[in-house]
Amino acid sequence: MTREEKIELRDRLVKFVEEKNTWEGTVSQLMRSINSRLPKNMRTVSPSYFRVRLNEVLSSVRSKGVSVKFFQTSGSNSKKMVRFTA
């Protein structure tokens, strides 16, 4: 990802979280929510690729005051989740 793309993804993600105050879900759900806010050339359909891109901007997202926590639900249908809090 270029520097400009990282800034774009970070800014869109921070704005999304600030609008919601708190957001929680899977990386796939986050990808679908954020893709609609990104320019077409930055959208992705692969949750694993989106996670790689997300990892590239997490420190700068945190530096903007957004808390990010990854966790796994319990039980037989456990899911990997992420929680963002502005």
N, C-alpha and C. Protein backbone atom coordinates (compact mmCIF):
# COMPACT_ATOMS: atom_id res chain seq x y z
N MET A 1 0.84 -1.17 0.00
CA MET A 1 0.00 0.00 0.00
C MET A 1 0.89 1.24 0.00
N THR A 2 0.50 2.22 -0.78
CA THR A 2 1.26 3.46 -0.80
C THR A 2 0.99 4.26 0.47
N ARG A 3 1.84 5.22 0.72
CA ARG A 3 1.65 6.09 1.89
C ARG A 3 0.29 6.79 1.83
N GLU A 4 -0.08 7.26 0.64
CA GLU A 4 -1.36 7.95 0.47
C GLU A 4 -2.54 7.02 0.74
N GLU A 5 -2.42 5.77 0.30
CA GLU A 5 -3.49 4.79 0.55
C GLU A 5 -3.61 4.48 2.04
N LYS A 6 -2.48 4.40 2.73
CA LYS A 6 -2.51 4.16 4.17
C LYS A 6 -3.21 5.31 4.89
N ILE A 7 -2.88 6.52 4.49
CA ILE A 7 -3.52 7.69 5.11
C ILE A 7 -5.02 7.69 4.82
N GLU A 8 -5.38 7.38 3.60
CA GLU A 8 -6.80 7.33 3.21
C GLU A 8 -7.56 6.29 4.03
N LEU A 9 -7.00 5.08 4.13
CA LEU A 9 -7.66 4.03 4.91
C LEU A 9 -7.75 4.42 6.38
N ARG A 10 -6.67 4.95 6.93
CA ARG A 10 -6.68 5.39 8.32
C ARG A 10 -7.75 6.44 8.56
N ASP A 11 -7.78 7.45 7.72
CA ASP A 11 -8.74 8.54 7.92
C ASP A 11 -10.18 8.08 7.78
N ARG A 12 -10.45 7.22 6.83
CA ARG A 12 -11.83 6.69 6.65
C ARG A 12 -12.23 5.82 7.83
N LEU A 13 -11.30 5.03 8.31
CA LEU A 13 -11.57 4.16 9.45
C LEU A 13 -11.81 4.98 10.71
N VAL A 14 -10.98 5.98 10.96
CA VAL A 14 -11.14 6.83 12.14
C VAL A 14 -12.48 7.55 12.09
N LYS A 15 -12.83 8.09 10.93
CA LYS A 15 -14.11 8.79 10.79
C LYS A 15 -15.28 7.84 11.03
N PHE A 16 -15.20 6.64 10.49
CA PHE A 16 -16.23 5.62 10.68
C PHE A 16 -16.43 5.32 12.16
N VAL A 17 -15.33 5.13 12.88
CA VAL A 17 -15.42 4.81 14.31
C VAL A 17 -15.95 6.01 15.10
N GLU A 18 -15.50 7.21 14.76
CA GLU A 18 -15.98 8.40 15.47
C GLU A 18 -17.48 8.60 15.28
N GLU A 19 -18.00 8.26 14.12
CA GLU A 19 -19.44 8.36 13.88
C GLU A 19 -20.22 7.36 14.73
N LYS A 20 -19.64 6.20 14.96
CA LYS A 20 -20.31 5.14 15.72
C LYS A 20 -19.99 5.21 17.21
N ASN A 21 -18.88 5.82 17.57
CA ASN A 21 -18.33 5.87 18.92
C ASN A 21 -17.70 4.53 19.30
N THR A 22 -18.43 3.44 19.13
CA THR A 22 -17.90 2.09 19.33
C THR A 22 -18.41 1.20 18.21
N TRP A 23 -17.53 0.39 17.67
CA TRP A 23 -17.93 -0.58 16.65
C TRP A 23 -17.27 -1.90 16.99
N GLU A 24 -18.05 -2.99 16.84
CA GLU A 24 -17.54 -4.33 17.13
C GLU A 24 -18.07 -5.30 16.09
N GLY A 25 -17.20 -6.16 15.61
CA GLY A 25 -17.61 -7.17 14.64
C GLY A 25 -16.41 -7.93 14.13
N THR A 26 -16.62 -8.72 13.10
CA THR A 26 -15.54 -9.48 12.48
C THR A 26 -14.80 -8.59 11.49
N VAL A 27 -13.63 -9.01 11.07
CA VAL A 27 -12.88 -8.27 10.07
C VAL A 27 -13.67 -8.24 8.76
N SER A 28 -14.39 -9.31 8.44
CA SER A 28 -15.22 -9.34 7.23
C SER A 28 -16.31 -8.28 7.29
N GLN A 29 -16.95 -8.14 8.44
CA GLN A 29 -17.99 -7.12 8.60
C GLN A 29 -17.40 -5.72 8.49
N LEU A 30 -16.23 -5.53 9.09
CA LEU A 30 -15.56 -4.23 9.00
C LEU A 30 -15.19 -3.92 7.56
N MET A 31 -14.67 -4.91 6.86
CA MET A 31 -14.29 -4.72 5.46
C MET A 31 -15.49 -4.26 4.64
N ARG A 32 -16.64 -4.92 4.82
CA ARG A 32 -17.84 -4.53 4.07
C ARG A 32 -18.27 -3.11 4.42
N SER A 33 -18.17 -2.73 5.68
CA SER A 33 -18.57 -1.39 6.11
C SER A 33 -17.62 -0.32 5.58
N ILE A 34 -16.34 -0.60 5.58
CA ILE A 34 -15.34 0.38 5.16
C ILE A 34 -15.23 0.45 3.65
N ASN A 35 -15.39 -0.67 2.95
CA ASN A 35 -15.27 -0.67 1.49
C ASN A 35 -16.17 0.36 0.84
N SER A 36 -17.37 0.52 1.36
CA SER A 36 -18.31 1.48 0.75
C SER A 36 -17.83 2.92 0.91
N ARG A 37 -16.90 3.15 1.82
CA ARG A 37 -16.37 4.50 2.07
C ARG A 37 -15.05 4.76 1.36
N LEU A 38 -14.50 3.73 0.73
CA LEU A 38 -13.20 3.86 0.07
C LEU A 38 -13.36 4.08 -1.43
N PRO A 39 -12.36 4.72 -2.04
CA PRO A 39 -12.36 4.79 -3.51
C PRO A 39 -12.33 3.38 -4.09
N LYS A 40 -12.92 3.20 -5.26
CA LYS A 40 -13.03 1.86 -5.85
C LYS A 40 -11.69 1.16 -5.99
N ASN A 41 -10.63 1.91 -6.29
CA ASN A 41 -9.32 1.26 -6.48
C ASN A 41 -8.71 0.75 -5.18
N MET A 42 -9.30 1.10 -4.04
CA MET A 42 -8.79 0.64 -2.74
C MET A 42 -9.66 -0.45 -2.11
N ARG A 43 -10.75 -0.78 -2.71
CA ARG A 43 -11.65 -1.79 -2.14
C ARG A 43 -11.09 -3.19 -2.34
N THR A 44 -11.43 -4.07 -1.41
CA THR A 44 -10.97 -5.45 -1.50
C THR A 44 -12.13 -6.38 -1.14
N VAL A 45 -12.08 -7.60 -1.65
CA VAL A 45 -13.11 -8.60 -1.33
C VAL A 45 -12.57 -9.70 -0.44
N SER A 46 -11.28 -9.65 -0.15
CA SER A 46 -10.65 -10.69 0.65
C SER A 46 -10.45 -10.21 2.09
N PRO A 47 -11.16 -10.81 3.05
CA PRO A 47 -10.98 -10.42 4.45
C PRO A 47 -9.54 -10.58 4.92
N SER A 48 -8.84 -11.62 4.46
CA SER A 48 -7.46 -11.81 4.91
C SER A 48 -6.56 -10.70 4.36
N TYR A 49 -6.77 -10.28 3.12
CA TYR A 49 -5.99 -9.18 2.56
C TYR A 49 -6.36 -7.87 3.27
N PHE A 50 -7.63 -7.69 3.55
CA PHE A 50 -8.05 -6.49 4.28
C PHE A 50 -7.38 -6.45 5.65
N ARG A 51 -7.26 -7.59 6.31
CA ARG A 51 -6.60 -7.65 7.63
C ARG A 51 -5.14 -7.23 7.52
N VAL A 52 -4.47 -7.64 6.46
CA VAL A 52 -3.07 -7.23 6.25
C VAL A 52 -3.01 -5.71 6.11
N ARG A 53 -3.91 -5.14 5.31
CA ARG A 53 -3.95 -3.69 5.13
C ARG A 53 -4.30 -2.99 6.44
N LEU A 54 -5.22 -3.56 7.18
CA LEU A 54 -5.61 -3.00 8.47
C LEU A 54 -4.41 -2.97 9.42
N ASN A 55 -3.67 -4.05 9.47
CA ASN A 55 -2.48 -4.12 10.33
C ASN A 55 -1.48 -3.02 10.00
N GLU A 56 -1.40 -2.65 8.74
CA GLU A 56 -0.46 -1.61 8.31
C GLU A 56 -0.82 -0.24 8.85
N VAL A 57 -2.08 -0.01 9.19
CA VAL A 57 -2.51 1.32 9.64
C VAL A 57 -2.92 1.38 11.11
N LEU A 58 -2.88 0.25 11.81
CA LEU A 58 -3.39 0.23 13.19
C LEU A 58 -2.66 1.19 14.12
N SER A 59 -1.36 1.29 14.01
CA SER A 59 -0.65 2.18 14.93
C SER A 59 -1.03 3.63 14.68
N SER A 60 -1.22 4.01 13.42
CA SER A 60 -1.63 5.39 13.14
C SER A 60 -3.09 5.63 13.52
N VAL A 61 -3.93 4.60 13.44
CA VAL A 61 -5.32 4.71 13.91
C VAL A 61 -5.32 4.95 15.42
N ARG A 62 -4.51 4.19 16.12
CA ARG A 62 -4.40 4.36 17.58
C ARG A 62 -3.86 5.75 17.93
N SER A 63 -2.93 6.26 17.13
CA SER A 63 -2.37 7.58 17.40
C SER A 63 -3.40 8.69 17.23
N LYS A 64 -4.48 8.39 16.53
CA LYS A 64 -5.58 9.35 16.36
C LYS A 64 -6.61 9.24 17.49
N GLY A 65 -6.31 8.42 18.51
CA GLY A 65 -7.17 8.32 19.68
C GLY A 65 -8.21 7.23 19.63
N VAL A 66 -8.09 6.32 18.68
CA VAL A 66 -9.04 5.21 18.57
C VAL A 66 -8.43 3.97 19.23
N SER A 67 -9.18 3.38 20.16
CA SER A 67 -8.77 2.15 20.81
C SER A 67 -9.14 0.97 19.92
N VAL A 68 -8.22 0.02 19.77
CA VAL A 68 -8.45 -1.16 18.93
C VAL A 68 -8.14 -2.39 19.76
N LYS A 69 -9.09 -3.32 19.80
CA LYS A 69 -8.87 -4.55 20.55
C LYS A 69 -9.35 -5.74 19.73
N PHE A 70 -8.48 -6.73 19.58
CA PHE A 70 -8.83 -7.98 18.92
C PHE A 70 -9.10 -9.01 20.00
N PHE A 71 -10.14 -9.82 19.80
CA PHE A 71 -10.47 -10.86 20.77
C PHE A 71 -11.24 -11.97 20.08
N GLN A 72 -11.42 -13.05 20.79
CA GLN A 72 -12.15 -14.20 20.25
C GLN A 72 -13.31 -14.52 21.18
N THR A 73 -14.47 -14.75 20.59
CA THR A 73 -15.63 -15.13 21.40
C THR A 73 -15.45 -16.57 21.86
N SER A 74 -16.19 -16.95 22.88
CA SER A 74 -16.06 -18.31 23.40
C SER A 74 -17.18 -19.19 22.84
N GLY A 75 -17.04 -20.46 23.06
CA GLY A 75 -18.06 -21.41 22.64
C GLY A 75 -17.70 -22.13 21.35
N SER A 76 -18.59 -23.01 20.94
CA SER A 76 -18.32 -23.83 19.76
C SER A 76 -18.36 -23.02 18.47
N ASN A 77 -19.06 -21.89 18.46
CA ASN A 77 -19.12 -21.03 17.28
C ASN A 77 -18.25 -19.79 17.47
N SER A 78 -17.09 -19.94 18.09
CA SER A 78 -16.26 -18.79 18.42
C SER A 78 -15.82 -18.07 17.14
N LYS A 79 -15.71 -16.74 17.24
CA LYS A 79 -15.32 -15.90 16.12
C LYS A 79 -14.22 -14.96 16.56
N LYS A 80 -13.34 -14.64 15.62
CA LYS A 80 -12.33 -13.62 15.86
C LYS A 80 -12.99 -12.27 15.63
N MET A 81 -12.89 -11.40 16.62
CA MET A 81 -13.60 -10.12 16.58
C MET A 81 -12.61 -8.97 16.75
N VAL A 82 -13.09 -7.78 16.41
CA VAL A 82 -12.32 -6.57 16.64
C VAL A 82 -13.29 -5.52 17.18
N ARG A 83 -12.80 -4.72 18.12
CA ARG A 83 -13.61 -3.64 18.71
C ARG A 83 -12.83 -2.34 18.58
N PHE A 84 -13.50 -1.33 18.03
CA PHE A 84 -12.93 0.02 17.91
C PHE A 84 -13.75 0.94 18.80
N THR A 85 -13.07 1.78 19.55
CA THR A 85 -13.73 2.76 20.40
C THR A 85 -13.05 4.12 20.21
N ALA A 86 -13.88 5.12 19.91
CA ALA A 86 -13.34 6.48 19.70
C ALA A 86 -13.13 7.16 21.04
